[in-house]
Amino acid sequence: MNILLLGPQGSGKGTQAELVLRNFHFYYLEAGDLLREAAKTDSQIDEMINKKGELAPDEIIFSLVTGKLEKDKPDRDGILFDGYPRSVAQYQLLKDWLAQGGKKVDLAILIKIGHEESIRRLSARRICKKCEKIWNLITPPTPPTETTCDCGGELYQREDDKPEAIKERLLLYEKVTGPLLEMLEGEGKLIEVGGERPIDRIYEEIDRIIKK
């Protein structure tokens, strides 16, 4: 089974993915991690995702995703995709790639939260200048202080984690991902889960969905 875990920025996809992986044997792929790693050596990607908060072109992220999967997961099955694909074009590329191995996307779970909650969560995110650890000031575990990491490094807020930038990203998410959600719903693969609840309550529902 291959699963897409979708939702706007700040919806808690990563947290729920960690819980899924404790109870199910999936290979985990988080596209954001691949982009951040690529940004360390590619100035074009760094400019797009770290400085402007833009979405990477479909072909670039598809190449990163499939390159990683072909290296680690050659049978193209049992994959939990976190935050990928984000557009209809990315979904079509992924479907074609999976079909080459006789596989498909079986389920898409959408964690829904409102704009205000997304802004509240993301604007509380901080990153350590020293070790690059990501913290959130309102979501446990929180850092020792609002300005200091547990390694002693100074915490800072990225430009794209400020409220106005977040609003722009959310509008872009709706524009790009909205048509994908409609397509997945039309294919009977999309199930929505309310994301403005305690973490354990959200996971209980996701657990039931996967088991069913």
Protein backbone atom coordinates (compact mmCIF):
# COMPACT_ATOMS: atom_id res chain seq x y z
CA MET A 1 0.00 0.00 0.00
CA ASN A 2 1.18 3.51 -0.88
CA ILE A 3 -0.26 6.45 1.10
CA LEU A 4 -0.19 10.22 0.56
CA LEU A 5 -0.29 12.33 3.73
CA LEU A 6 -1.40 15.81 2.71
CA GLY A 7 -2.30 19.10 4.36
CA PRO A 8 -1.39 22.80 4.45
CA GLN A 9 1.73 24.10 6.14
CA GLY A 10 1.53 23.61 9.89
CA SER A 11 -1.10 20.87 9.74
CA GLY A 12 1.08 18.41 11.65
CA LYS A 13 1.82 15.96 8.85
CA GLY A 14 5.29 15.17 10.19
CA THR A 15 4.01 14.48 13.70
CA GLN A 16 1.30 12.15 12.43
CA ALA A 17 3.76 10.43 10.10
CA GLU A 18 6.00 9.62 13.08
CA LEU A 19 3.06 7.96 14.83
CA VAL A 20 2.11 5.99 11.72
CA LEU A 21 5.66 4.69 11.39
CA ARG A 22 5.63 3.41 14.98
CA ASN A 23 2.72 1.12 14.19
CA PHE A 24 3.02 0.32 10.48
CA HIS A 25 5.97 -0.79 8.37
CA PHE A 26 6.14 1.94 5.75
CA TYR A 27 9.11 3.46 3.99
CA TYR A 28 8.90 7.18 4.80
CA LEU A 29 9.55 9.90 2.27
CA GLU A 30 9.29 13.58 3.21
CA ALA A 31 9.90 15.73 0.16
CA GLY A 32 10.78 18.78 2.22
CA ASP A 33 13.78 16.98 3.69
CA LEU A 34 15.05 16.17 0.20
CA LEU A 35 14.66 19.79 -0.89
CA ARG A 36 16.41 21.17 2.19
CA GLU A 37 19.30 18.78 1.66
CA ALA A 38 19.53 19.69 -2.03
CA ALA A 39 19.43 23.40 -1.12
CA LYS A 40 22.72 23.03 0.74
CA THR A 41 24.54 22.52 -2.55
CA ASP A 42 22.14 24.03 -5.13
CA SER A 43 21.83 27.82 -4.95
CA GLN A 44 18.76 27.85 -7.22
CA ILE A 45 16.81 25.53 -4.91
CA ASP A 46 18.08 27.42 -1.86
CA GLU A 47 16.80 30.69 -3.29
CA MET A 48 13.37 29.23 -4.05
CA ILE A 49 12.54 27.34 -0.88
CA ASN A 50 14.57 29.04 1.85
CA LYS A 51 14.60 32.67 0.79
CA LYS A 52 11.40 33.09 -1.24
CA GLY A 53 9.28 30.26 0.21
CA GLU A 54 8.29 29.13 -3.29
CA LEU A 55 7.38 25.62 -4.44
CA ALA A 56 10.11 23.81 -6.35
CA PRO A 57 9.36 23.05 -10.03
CA ASP A 58 7.59 19.72 -10.57
CA GLU A 59 10.44 18.16 -12.53
CA ILE A 60 13.07 19.04 -9.91
CA ILE A 61 11.20 17.59 -6.97
CA PHE A 62 10.10 14.54 -8.96
CA SER A 63 13.74 13.84 -9.83
CA LEU A 64 14.76 14.14 -6.17
CA VAL A 65 11.89 11.91 -5.00
CA THR A 66 12.32 9.13 -7.55
CA GLY A 67 16.09 9.22 -7.23
CA LYS A 68 15.78 8.58 -3.50
CA LEU A 69 13.11 5.91 -3.93
CA GLU A 70 14.97 4.03 -6.66
CA LYS A 71 17.98 3.90 -4.37
CA ASP A 72 16.16 2.81 -1.21
CA LYS A 73 12.82 1.29 -2.24
CA PRO A 74 13.06 -0.48 -5.62
CA ASP A 75 9.74 -2.37 -5.33
CA ARG A 76 7.75 0.92 -5.31
CA ASP A 77 5.37 -0.25 -2.60
CA GLY A 78 4.80 0.31 1.13
CA ILE A 79 5.62 4.04 0.92
CA LEU A 80 4.26 6.86 3.07
CA PHE A 81 4.60 10.13 1.15
CA ASP A 82 4.59 13.18 3.43
CA GLY A 83 3.57 16.37 1.63
CA TYR A 84 4.15 14.97 -1.85
CA PRO A 85 2.78 15.30 -4.47
CA ARG A 86 1.54 18.87 -4.18
CA SER A 87 0.15 19.40 -7.68
CA VAL A 88 -1.77 17.53 -10.35
CA ALA A 89 1.38 17.44 -12.51
CA GLN A 90 3.44 15.91 -9.67
CA TYR A 91 0.69 13.37 -9.02
CA GLN A 92 0.59 12.31 -12.67
CA LEU A 93 4.37 11.90 -12.72
CA LEU A 94 4.24 9.83 -9.54
CA LYS A 95 1.37 7.67 -10.82
CA ASP A 96 3.24 6.92 -14.03
CA TRP A 97 6.40 6.06 -12.09
CA LEU A 98 4.55 3.71 -9.72
CA ALA A 99 2.70 2.09 -12.62
CA GLN A 100 6.02 1.08 -14.16
CA GLY A 101 6.37 -1.29 -11.20
CA GLY A 102 2.73 -2.35 -11.26
CA LYS A 103 1.92 -0.20 -8.20
CA LYS A 104 -0.35 2.77 -7.48
CA VAL A 105 -1.41 5.33 -4.89
CA ASP A 106 -3.93 3.53 -2.70
CA LEU A 107 -4.97 6.20 -0.21
CA ALA A 108 -4.66 9.94 0.40
CA ILE A 109 -5.23 11.38 3.88
CA LEU A 110 -5.79 15.14 4.14
CA ILE A 111 -5.21 16.79 7.53
CA LYS A 112 -7.35 19.94 7.48
CA ILE A 113 -6.69 23.09 9.52
CA GLY A 114 -7.78 26.69 9.04
CA HIS A 115 -5.59 29.56 7.91
CA GLU A 116 -5.49 31.18 11.34
CA GLU A 117 -4.27 27.99 13.00
CA SER A 118 -1.68 27.41 10.31
CA ILE A 119 -0.33 30.95 10.77
CA ARG A 120 -0.29 30.58 14.56
CA ARG A 121 1.71 27.35 14.39
CA LEU A 122 4.16 28.33 11.67
CA SER A 123 4.93 31.80 13.03
CA ALA A 124 6.07 30.09 16.25
CA ARG A 125 8.71 28.04 14.43
CA ARG A 126 12.37 28.75 15.16
CA ILE A 127 15.61 27.28 13.80
CA CYS A 128 18.98 26.99 15.52
CA LYS A 129 21.82 28.83 13.80
CA LYS A 130 24.33 26.36 15.20
CA CYS A 131 22.84 22.86 14.75
CA GLU A 132 19.86 23.73 12.46
CA LYS A 133 17.40 21.96 14.77
CA ILE A 134 13.80 23.06 14.21
CA TRP A 135 11.73 24.06 17.24
CA ASN A 136 8.23 25.38 17.82
CA LEU A 137 7.52 27.79 20.67
CA ILE A 138 3.97 26.49 21.22
CA THR A 139 4.23 22.79 20.36
CA PRO A 140 6.08 20.40 22.71
CA PRO A 141 8.92 19.79 22.98
CA THR A 142 9.67 23.50 23.18
CA PRO A 143 13.21 24.98 23.34
CA PRO A 144 14.87 25.88 26.66
CA THR A 145 14.12 29.56 25.97
CA GLU A 146 12.50 31.43 23.08
CA THR A 147 15.93 32.43 21.79
CA THR A 148 18.18 29.48 22.73
CA CYS A 149 18.53 25.90 21.48
CA ASP A 150 19.45 23.02 23.80
CA CYS A 151 22.86 22.97 22.08
CA GLY A 152 23.38 26.57 23.16
CA GLY A 153 22.90 28.00 19.69
CA GLU A 154 20.82 31.08 18.90
CA LEU A 155 17.32 30.55 17.50
CA TYR A 156 16.01 32.62 14.58
CA GLN A 157 12.81 32.92 12.57
CA ARG A 158 12.99 32.36 8.83
CA GLU A 159 11.55 35.09 6.62
CA ASP A 160 8.98 32.67 5.17
CA ASP A 161 7.74 31.84 8.69
CA LYS A 162 6.54 35.38 9.30
CA PRO A 163 2.75 35.91 9.10
CA GLU A 164 2.61 37.80 5.79
CA ALA A 165 4.84 35.26 4.09
CA ILE A 166 2.78 32.39 5.51
CA LYS A 167 -0.40 33.92 4.08
CA GLU A 168 1.20 33.99 0.64
CA ARG A 169 2.27 30.35 0.98
CA LEU A 170 -1.22 29.29 2.01
CA LEU A 171 -2.73 31.02 -1.02
CA LEU A 172 -0.19 29.27 -3.22
CA TYR A 173 -1.00 25.94 -1.55
CA GLU A 174 -4.70 26.36 -2.29
CA LYS A 175 -4.04 27.34 -5.89
CA VAL A 176 -1.64 24.46 -6.60
CA THR A 177 -2.95 21.69 -4.35
CA GLY A 178 -6.69 22.41 -4.58
CA PRO A 179 -7.06 20.79 -8.03
CA LEU A 180 -5.05 17.77 -6.82
CA LEU A 181 -7.41 17.26 -3.88
CA GLU A 182 -10.38 17.42 -6.24
CA MET A 183 -8.77 14.80 -8.47
CA LEU A 184 -8.02 12.47 -5.55
CA GLU A 185 -11.58 12.87 -4.29
CA GLY A 186 -12.89 12.04 -7.74
CA GLU A 187 -10.79 8.88 -7.74
CA GLY A 188 -12.27 7.88 -4.38
CA LYS A 189 -8.88 7.95 -2.66
CA LEU A 190 -9.16 11.07 -0.47
CA ILE A 191 -10.20 10.99 3.19
CA GLU A 192 -10.26 14.17 5.28
CA VAL A 193 -9.23 14.31 8.94
CA GLY A 194 -9.73 17.32 11.22
CA GLY A 195 -6.33 18.61 12.31
CA GLU A 196 -7.31 21.10 15.03
CA ARG A 197 -7.61 18.46 17.75
CA PRO A 198 -5.22 16.80 20.21
CA ILE A 199 -2.48 14.87 18.44
CA ASP A 200 -3.58 11.50 19.81
CA ARG A 201 -7.18 12.01 18.69
CA ILE A 202 -6.05 12.82 15.16
CA TYR A 203 -3.83 9.77 15.07
CA GLU A 204 -6.57 7.46 16.32
CA GLU A 205 -8.64 8.39 13.29
CA ILE A 206 -5.71 7.98 10.90
CA ASP A 207 -4.92 4.59 12.43
CA ARG A 208 -8.52 3.43 11.84
CA ILE A 209 -8.44 4.68 8.25
CA ILE A 210 -5.24 2.81 7.40
CA LYS A 211 -6.40 -0.41 9.05
CA LYS A 212 -9.73 -0.25 7.24
